[in-house]
Amino acid sequence: MTDDRGSATATWQPTAPGVLRLPSGRLLRGRGLRHPLPDGEVPEFGVYLLGKRPPEVDWEARWLPWPDFRLPSDRELAREVLREVWERSAGERVEVACAGGRGRTGTALACVAVLDGVPAEEAVAFVRAHYDRHAVETPWQRRYVQRFSG
């Protein structure tokens, strides 16, 4: 993929599985780790939202402790990591993943959408419309997004 100047860019293909296009045009990939790695390009940076340490990967990665069906264990760390996701997605292939790819991943993607300018009260609907209709699974995950501010 090239940009308007003809130089190589390192973002996702917009039609690749699990790719979410934010209003700014940034592309992120969400996925479930219990599913095989999709064919094609691999991430340059991944954030893994799990209750226990994720498996090793061949790219730069961060672990954000986040138990299944819950909220992040450390909210300040979550804000820092999600801001990094947003910043790096401007020019890198960034992946956000939990075990199933819906609840925690959807919640994190909705928070990143807030950082990108989507109003917090609309972010869950945005992610459900453009990533996965079952994203953000619990009432407390929805409230977390609604209270998340850029």
Protein backbone atom coordinates (compact mmCIF):
# COMPACT_ATOMS: atom_id res chain seq x y z
CA MET A 1 0.00 0.00 0.00
CA THR A 2 1.29 3.49 -0.77
CA ASP A 3 0.27 6.95 0.35
CA ASP A 4 -0.33 10.00 -1.88
CA ARG A 5 3.41 10.61 -2.12
CA GLY A 6 4.07 7.07 -3.33
CA SER A 7 5.88 5.97 -0.17
CA ALA A 8 5.09 2.71 1.57
CA THR A 9 2.70 2.79 4.49
CA ALA A 10 2.36 0.09 7.07
CA THR A 11 -1.35 0.06 7.84
CA TRP A 12 -3.93 -2.69 7.37
CA GLN A 13 -5.84 -3.31 4.19
CA PRO A 14 -9.30 -1.81 4.90
CA THR A 15 -11.10 -4.98 3.80
CA ALA A 16 -8.96 -7.40 5.85
CA PRO A 17 -10.82 -9.46 8.48
CA GLY A 18 -11.43 -7.61 11.75
CA VAL A 19 -10.22 -4.23 10.51
CA LEU A 20 -12.01 -1.19 11.93
CA ARG A 21 -11.73 2.16 10.14
CA LEU A 22 -11.95 5.06 12.57
CA PRO A 23 -13.46 8.39 11.46
CA SER A 24 -9.95 9.82 11.05
CA GLY A 25 -9.13 7.04 8.57
CA ARG A 26 -6.85 5.16 10.96
CA LEU A 27 -7.17 1.38 10.70
CA LEU A 28 -7.02 -1.07 13.62
CA ARG A 29 -7.51 -4.80 13.70
CA GLY A 30 -9.47 -6.53 16.40
CA ARG A 31 -9.50 -10.29 16.78
CA GLY A 32 -9.97 -13.23 19.09
CA LEU A 33 -6.84 -15.09 20.10
CA ARG A 34 -8.65 -18.41 20.25
CA HIS A 35 -9.03 -18.18 16.46
CA PRO A 36 -6.12 -18.74 14.06
CA LEU A 37 -4.06 -15.75 13.01
CA PRO A 38 -5.67 -14.38 9.84
CA ASP A 39 -3.82 -14.83 6.56
CA GLY A 40 -1.89 -11.87 5.26
CA GLU A 41 0.10 -9.21 7.01
CA VAL A 42 0.97 -9.52 10.69
CA PRO A 43 0.78 -6.72 13.24
CA GLU A 44 3.69 -4.45 13.97
CA PHE A 45 2.26 -3.81 17.44
CA GLY A 46 -0.32 -5.75 19.41
CA VAL A 47 -2.18 -5.14 22.65
CA TYR A 48 -3.53 -8.22 24.37
CA LEU A 49 -6.39 -7.90 26.85
CA LEU A 50 -6.27 -11.02 28.99
CA GLY A 51 -6.47 -12.03 32.63
CA LYS A 52 -3.16 -13.88 32.30
CA ARG A 53 0.02 -13.23 30.32
CA PRO A 54 -0.54 -13.77 26.58
CA PRO A 55 1.51 -16.12 24.46
CA GLU A 56 4.69 -14.77 22.87
CA VAL A 57 4.37 -13.22 19.41
CA ASP A 58 6.91 -12.24 16.75
CA TRP A 59 6.04 -8.52 16.89
CA GLU A 60 6.13 -5.83 19.55
CA ALA A 61 3.34 -6.38 22.06
CA ARG A 62 1.91 -5.15 25.34
CA TRP A 63 -0.22 -7.02 27.81
CA LEU A 64 -3.06 -5.12 29.42
CA PRO A 65 -4.38 -7.23 32.32
CA TRP A 66 -8.14 -7.44 31.77
CA PRO A 67 -10.15 -10.42 33.09
CA ASP A 68 -12.86 -11.90 30.85
CA PHE A 69 -16.24 -10.11 31.05
CA ARG A 70 -14.70 -7.47 33.30
CA LEU A 71 -12.93 -4.13 33.06
CA PRO A 72 -9.19 -3.42 32.95
CA SER A 73 -7.43 -4.19 36.22
CA ASP A 74 -5.56 -0.84 36.05
CA ARG A 75 -7.65 1.95 34.51
CA GLU A 76 -4.73 4.41 34.23
CA LEU A 77 -2.61 1.81 32.45
CA ALA A 78 -5.56 1.10 30.15
CA ARG A 79 -5.86 4.79 29.24
CA GLU A 80 -2.10 4.93 28.51
CA VAL A 81 -2.10 1.76 26.41
CA LEU A 82 -5.22 2.71 24.44
CA ARG A 83 -3.76 6.14 23.69
CA GLU A 84 -0.65 4.35 22.40
CA VAL A 85 -2.88 2.15 20.21
CA TRP A 86 -4.52 5.26 18.75
CA GLU A 87 -1.21 7.06 18.18
CA ARG A 88 0.56 4.11 16.59
CA SER A 89 -2.39 3.22 14.35
CA ALA A 90 -1.66 6.38 12.33
CA GLY A 91 1.17 4.57 10.55
CA GLU A 92 1.52 1.03 11.87
CA ARG A 93 -0.46 -2.21 11.75
CA VAL A 94 -1.89 -2.31 15.27
CA GLU A 95 -3.92 -5.21 16.62
CA VAL A 96 -6.10 -5.33 19.73
CA ALA A 97 -7.19 -8.78 20.88
CA CYS A 98 -8.72 -10.76 23.73
CA ALA A 99 -9.70 -14.44 23.80
CA GLY A 100 -12.94 -14.14 21.83
CA GLY A 101 -12.46 -10.78 20.12
CA ARG A 102 -15.78 -9.26 21.18
CA GLY A 103 -16.18 -8.07 24.77
CA ARG A 104 -12.81 -6.73 25.87
CA THR A 105 -11.64 -6.11 22.31
CA GLY A 106 -14.85 -4.30 21.42
CA THR A 107 -14.65 -2.23 24.59
CA ALA A 108 -11.05 -1.25 23.87
CA LEU A 109 -11.87 -0.42 20.23
CA ALA A 110 -14.78 1.74 21.38
CA CYS A 111 -12.46 3.62 23.75
CA VAL A 112 -9.99 4.16 20.91
CA ALA A 113 -12.89 5.45 18.80
CA VAL A 114 -13.57 8.00 21.57
CA LEU A 115 -9.94 9.09 21.37
CA ASP A 116 -10.47 9.46 17.62
CA GLY A 117 -13.41 11.82 18.16
CA VAL A 118 -16.47 9.56 18.29
CA PRO A 119 -18.73 10.84 21.10
CA ALA A 120 -18.50 8.42 24.06
CA GLU A 121 -22.26 7.82 24.06
CA GLU A 122 -22.05 6.72 20.37
CA ALA A 123 -18.83 4.69 20.49
CA VAL A 124 -20.37 1.29 21.30
CA ALA A 125 -22.85 1.64 18.43
CA PHE A 126 -20.01 2.73 16.13
CA VAL A 127 -17.93 -0.37 16.94
CA ARG A 128 -20.95 -2.66 16.65
CA ALA A 129 -21.77 -1.19 13.23
CA HIS A 130 -18.22 -1.26 11.85
CA TYR A 131 -16.44 -4.12 13.67
CA ASP A 132 -18.74 -6.73 15.27
CA ARG A 133 -22.43 -6.45 16.09
CA HIS A 134 -21.83 -8.36 19.35
CA ALA A 135 -18.92 -6.17 20.51
CA VAL A 136 -18.95 -4.81 24.09
CA GLU A 137 -20.76 -7.59 25.90
CA THR A 138 -21.65 -6.38 29.39
CA PRO A 139 -23.49 -3.37 30.86
CA TRP A 140 -20.37 -2.38 32.82
CA GLN A 141 -18.25 -2.48 29.64
CA ARG A 142 -20.80 -0.16 27.97
CA ARG A 143 -20.67 2.22 30.98
CA TYR A 144 -16.86 2.15 30.90
CA VAL A 145 -16.91 3.34 27.28
CA GLN A 146 -19.54 6.00 28.01
CA ARG A 147 -17.36 7.37 30.82
CA PHE A 148 -14.13 7.13 28.84
CA SER A 149 -12.95 10.53 27.68
CA GLY A 150 -10.16 11.57 25.39
